[in-house]
PDB file of N, CA and C in Angstrom:
ATOM      1  N   MET A   1      87.916  82.367 119.155  1.00  0.00           N
ATOM      2  CA  MET A   1      88.438  83.899 118.100  1.00  0.00           C
ATOM      3  C   MET A   1      87.272  83.412 116.816  1.00  0.00           C
ATOM      4  N   TYR A   2      87.139  82.380 116.139  1.00  0.00           N
ATOM      5  CA  TYR A   2      86.174  82.640 115.707  1.00  0.00           C
ATOM      6  C   TYR A   2      84.682  83.110 115.578  1.00  0.00           C
ATOM      7  N   ASN A   3      84.325  83.878 116.565  1.00  0.00           N
ATOM      8  CA  ASN A   3      82.924  83.709 117.441  1.00  0.00           C
ATOM      9  C   ASN A   3      83.529  84.951 117.001  1.00  0.00           C
ATOM     10  N   CYS A   4      84.398  85.750 117.425  1.00  0.00           N
ATOM     11  CA  CYS A   4      85.284  87.634 117.794  1.00  0.00           C
ATOM     12  C   CYS A   4      84.546  87.777 115.791  1.00  0.00           C
ATOM     13  N   LEU A   5      85.369  87.101 115.364  1.00  0.00           N
ATOM     14  CA  LEU A   5      84.922  87.410 113.514  1.00  0.00           C
ATOM     15  C   LEU A   5      83.793  86.841 113.127  1.00  0.00           C
ATOM     16  N   GLN A   6      82.997  87.842 112.254  1.00  0.00           N
ATOM     17  CA  GLN A   6      81.952  87.587 111.563  1.00  0.00           C
ATOM     18  C   GLN A   6      82.390  87.095 110.323  1.00  0.00           C
ATOM     19  N   VAL A   7      82.251  86.584 109.556  1.00  0.00           N
ATOM     20  CA  VAL A   7      82.815  85.925 108.668  1.00  0.00           C
ATOM     21  C   VAL A   7      81.101  85.530 107.201  1.00  0.00           C
ATOM     22  N   LEU A   8      81.353  86.949 106.483  1.00  0.00           N
ATOM     23  CA  LEU A   8      80.158  86.066 104.952  1.00  0.00           C
ATOM     24  C   LEU A   8      80.439  84.937 104.894  1.00  0.00           C
ATOM     25  N   ASP A   9      79.065  84.818 104.207  1.00  0.00           N
ATOM     26  CA  ASP A   9      78.908  83.399 103.146  1.00  0.00           C
ATOM     27  C   ASP A   9      78.405  84.452 102.181  1.00  0.00           C
ATOM     28  N   ASP A  10      79.979  84.386 101.159  1.00  0.00           N
ATOM     29  CA  ASP A  10      79.420  84.900  99.483  1.00  0.00           C
ATOM     30  C   ASP A  10      78.370  84.697  99.373  1.00  0.00           C
ATOM     31  N   ASN A  11      77.562  83.363  99.366  1.00  0.00           N
ATOM     32  CA  ASN A  11      76.472  82.843  98.227  1.00  0.00           C
ATOM     33  C   ASN A  11      75.581  83.446  99.292  1.00  0.00           C
ATOM     34  N   GLU A  12      75.594  83.680 100.460  1.00  0.00           N
ATOM     35  CA  GLU A  12      73.652  83.439 101.263  1.00  0.00           C
ATOM     36  C   GLU A  12      73.375  84.507 101.995  1.00  0.00           C
ATOM     37  N   ASN A  13      74.840  85.923 101.169  1.00  0.00           N
ATOM     38  CA  ASN A  13      75.002  86.801 102.821  1.00  0.00           C
ATOM     39  C   ASN A  13      75.225  86.966 104.290  1.00  0.00           C
ATOM     40  N   ASP A  14      74.691  85.389 104.063  1.00  0.00           N
ATOM     41  CA  ASP A  14      74.339  84.858 105.510  1.00  0.00           C
ATOM     42  C   ASP A  14      75.529  83.901 106.555  1.00  0.00           C
ATOM     43  N   LEU A  15      75.693  84.944 107.660  1.00  0.00           N
ATOM     44  CA  LEU A  15      76.977  84.336 108.913  1.00  0.00           C
ATOM     45  C   LEU A  15      77.350  82.537 108.902  1.00  0.00           C
ATOM     46  N   ILE A  16      78.573  82.818 108.510  1.00  0.00           N
ATOM     47  CA  ILE A  16      78.653  80.794 108.885  1.00  0.00           C
ATOM     48  C   ILE A  16      78.954  80.396 109.708  1.00  0.00           C
ATOM     49  N   GLU A  17      78.054  79.259 109.633  1.00  0.00           N
ATOM     50  CA  GLU A  17      77.847  78.975 111.494  1.00  0.00           C
ATOM     51  C   GLU A  17      79.054  78.222 111.837  1.00  0.00           C
ATOM     52  N   GLU A  18      79.216  78.305 112.847  1.00  0.00           N
ATOM     53  CA  GLU A  18      80.934  77.165 113.802  1.00  0.00           C
ATOM     54  C   GLU A  18      79.616  76.335 114.321  1.00  0.00           C
ATOM     55  N   ASN A  19      80.121  75.000 113.930  1.00  0.00           N
ATOM     56  CA  ASN A  19      80.028  73.726 114.969  1.00  0.00           C
ATOM     57  C   ASN A  19      80.525  73.671 116.231  1.00  0.00           C
ATOM     58  N   THR A  20      79.190  72.828 116.730  1.00  0.00           N
ATOM     59  CA  THR A  20      79.744  73.450 117.902  1.00  0.00           C
ATOM     60  C   THR A  20      80.705  71.792 118.013  1.00  0.00           C
ATOM     61  N   ARG A  21      82.291  72.245 118.841  1.00  0.00           N
ATOM     62  CA  ARG A  21      82.698  71.276 119.111  1.00  0.00           C
ATOM     63  C   ARG A  21      83.814  71.532 120.708  1.00  0.00           C
ATOM     64  N   LYS A  22      83.943  70.533 120.931  1.00  0.00           N
ATOM     65  CA  LYS A  22      84.726  70.206 122.296  1.00  0.00           C
ATOM     66  C   LYS A  22      85.754  71.433 122.900  1.00  0.00           C
ATOM     67  N   SER A  23      85.622  71.769 123.174  1.00  0.00           N
ATOM     68  CA  SER A  23      87.019  73.538 123.681  1.00  0.00           C
ATOM     69  C   SER A  23      88.077  72.097 124.341  1.00  0.00           C
ATOM     70  N   ASN A  24      88.970  72.763 124.509  1.00  0.00           N
ATOM     71  CA  ASN A  24      90.446  71.960 124.275  1.00  0.00           C
ATOM     72  C   ASN A  24      91.571  73.871 124.652  1.00  0.00           C
ATOM     73  N   ASN A  25      91.943  72.141 125.979  1.00  0.00           N
ATOM     74  CA  ASN A  25      92.886  74.076 127.241  1.00  0.00           C
ATOM     75  C   ASN A  25      93.503  74.217 127.045  1.00  0.00           C
ATOM     76  N   ASP A  26      94.513  74.042 126.466  1.00  0.00           N
ATOM     77  CA  ASP A  26      94.981  74.515 125.608  1.00  0.00           C
ATOM     78  C   ASP A  26      95.460  75.669 125.107  1.00  0.00           C
ATOM     79  N   VAL A  27      94.139  75.626 124.049  1.00  0.00           N
ATOM     80  CA  VAL A  27      94.119  76.113 122.549  1.00  0.00           C
ATOM     81  C   VAL A  27      93.712  77.070 123.240  1.00  0.00           C
ATOM     82  N   LEU A  28      93.171  77.298 124.791  1.00  0.00           N
ATOM     83  CA  LEU A  28      92.107  77.805 125.266  1.00  0.00           C
ATOM     84  C   LEU A  28      93.275  79.249 126.255  1.00  0.00           C
ATOM     85  N   ASN A  29      93.826  78.124 126.245  1.00  0.00           N
ATOM     86  CA  ASN A  29      95.087  78.570 127.148  1.00  0.00           C
ATOM     87  C   ASN A  29      96.235  79.727 126.243  1.00  0.00           C
ATOM     88  N   TYR A  30      96.251  79.381 125.483  1.00  0.00           N
ATOM     89  CA  TYR A  30      97.817  79.634 124.306  1.00  0.00           C
ATOM     90  C   TYR A  30      96.628  81.036 123.727  1.00  0.00           C
ATOM     91  N   ILE A  31      95.226  80.724 123.566  1.00  0.00           N
ATOM     92  CA  ILE A  31      94.929  82.120 123.078  1.00  0.00           C
ATOM     93  C   ILE A  31      95.156  83.550 124.388  1.00  0.00           C
ATOM     94  N   SER A  32      94.293  82.765 125.382  1.00  0.00           N
ATOM     95  CA  SER A  32      93.621  84.388 126.449  1.00  0.00           C
ATOM     96  C   SER A  32      95.322  84.570 127.266  1.00  0.00           C
ATOM     97  N   ASN A  33      96.146  84.227 127.058  1.00  0.00           N
ATOM     98  CA  ASN A  33      97.347  83.881 127.842  1.00  0.00           C
ATOM     99  C   ASN A  33      98.339  85.093 126.998  1.00  0.00           C
ATOM    100  N   GLU A  34      98.188  84.491 125.160  1.00  0.00           N
ATOM    101  CA  GLU A  34      99.896  84.802 124.485  1.00  0.00           C
ATOM    102  C   GLU A  34      99.203  85.646 123.967  1.00  0.00           C
ATOM    103  N   VAL A  35      97.532  84.696 122.803  1.00  0.00           N
ATOM    104  CA  VAL A  35      97.752  85.685 121.457  1.00  0.00           C
ATOM    105  C   VAL A  35      96.926  87.219 122.245  1.00  0.00           C
ATOM    106  N   ILE A  36      95.669  87.696 122.228  1.00  0.00           N
ATOM    107  CA  ILE A  36      95.197  88.435 122.964  1.00  0.00           C
ATOM    108  C   ILE A  36      95.993  89.263 123.652  1.00  0.00           C
ATOM    109  N   PRO A  37      96.642  88.900 125.408  1.00  0.00           N
ATOM    110  CA  PRO A  37      97.826  89.985 125.006  1.00  0.00           C
ATOM    111  C   PRO A  37      98.621  91.103 123.966  1.00  0.00           C
ATOM    112  N   LYS A  38      98.841  89.989 123.090  1.00  0.00           N
ATOM    113  CA  LYS A  38     100.194  90.623 122.988  1.00  0.00           C
ATOM    114  C   LYS A  38      98.761  91.079 120.352  1.00  0.00           C
ATOM    115  N   LEU A  39      97.650  90.916 120.209  1.00  0.00           N
ATOM    116  CA  LEU A  39      96.999  91.417 119.477  1.00  0.00           C
ATOM    117  C   LEU A  39      96.896  92.792 120.381  1.00  0.00           C
ATOM    118  N   LYS A  40      96.330  92.866 121.602  1.00  0.00           N
ATOM    119  CA  LYS A  40      96.312  94.199 121.940  1.00  0.00           C
ATOM    120  C   LYS A  40      97.421  94.785 122.349  1.00  0.00           C
ATOM    121  N   GLU A  41      98.156  95.229 122.351  1.00  0.00           N
ATOM    122  CA  GLU A  41     100.505  95.365 122.504  1.00  0.00           C
ATOM    123  C   GLU A  41     100.048  95.878 121.604  1.00  0.00           C
ATOM    124  N   ASN A  42      99.706  95.412 120.396  1.00  0.00           N
ATOM    125  CA  ASN A  42     100.166  96.167 119.034  1.00  0.00           C
ATOM    126  C   ASN A  42      98.440  96.851 118.105  1.00  0.00           C
ATOM    127  N   LEU A  43      98.481  96.383 119.086  1.00  0.00           N
ATOM    128  CA  LEU A  43      96.587  97.307 118.282  1.00  0.00           C
ATOM    129  C   LEU A  43      96.101  97.915 118.742  1.00  0.00           C
ATOM    130  N   ASN A  44      97.399  98.730 119.891  1.00  0.00           N
ATOM    131  CA  ASN A  44      96.378  99.690 121.156  1.00  0.00           C
ATOM    132  C   ASN A  44      96.814 101.141 120.108  1.00  0.00           C
ATOM    133  N   SER A  45      97.789 101.307 119.293  1.00  0.00           N
ATOM    134  CA  SER A  45      98.105 102.596 118.601  1.00  0.00           C
ATOM    135  C   SER A  45      97.255 103.060 117.613  1.00  0.00           C
ATOM    136  N   HIS A  46      95.980 101.450 117.234  1.00  0.00           N
ATOM    137  CA  HIS A  46      95.352 102.008 116.671  1.00  0.00           C
ATOM    138  C   HIS A  46      94.064 102.169 117.720  1.00  0.00           C
ATOM    139  N   TRP A  47      93.731 101.947 118.500  1.00  0.00           N
ATOM    140  CA  TRP A  47      92.502 102.193 118.964  1.00  0.00           C
ATOM    141  C   TRP A  47      92.761 103.282 120.199  1.00  0.00           C
ATOM    142  N   ASN A  48      93.555 103.930 119.715  1.00  0.00           N
ATOM    143  CA  ASN A  48      93.288 105.199 121.370  1.00  0.00           C
ATOM    144  C   ASN A  48      92.741 106.765 120.805  1.00  0.00           C
ATOM    145  N   CYS A  49      92.085 106.176 119.173  1.00  0.00           N
ATOM    146  CA  CYS A  49      91.355 107.357 119.590  1.00  0.00           C
ATOM    147  C   CYS A  49      89.681 107.130 120.207  1.00  0.00           C
ATOM    148  N   PHE A  50      89.337 105.338 120.483  1.00  0.00           N
ATOM    149  CA  PHE A  50      88.551 105.752 121.387  1.00  0.00           C
ATOM    150  C   PHE A  50      88.062 105.210 122.366  1.00  0.00           C
TER     151      PHE A  50
END
């Protein structure tokens, strides 16, 4: 999710770079199967105009 959000560094006006790290399959599965579908469901009405 971090990569989906562009977070600006207030000091430099540059994107904050994420350090590489090992992926955790449990977290990835939870986000893919639970978080993203809920986000889509809850935000769908706001995106209908697109």
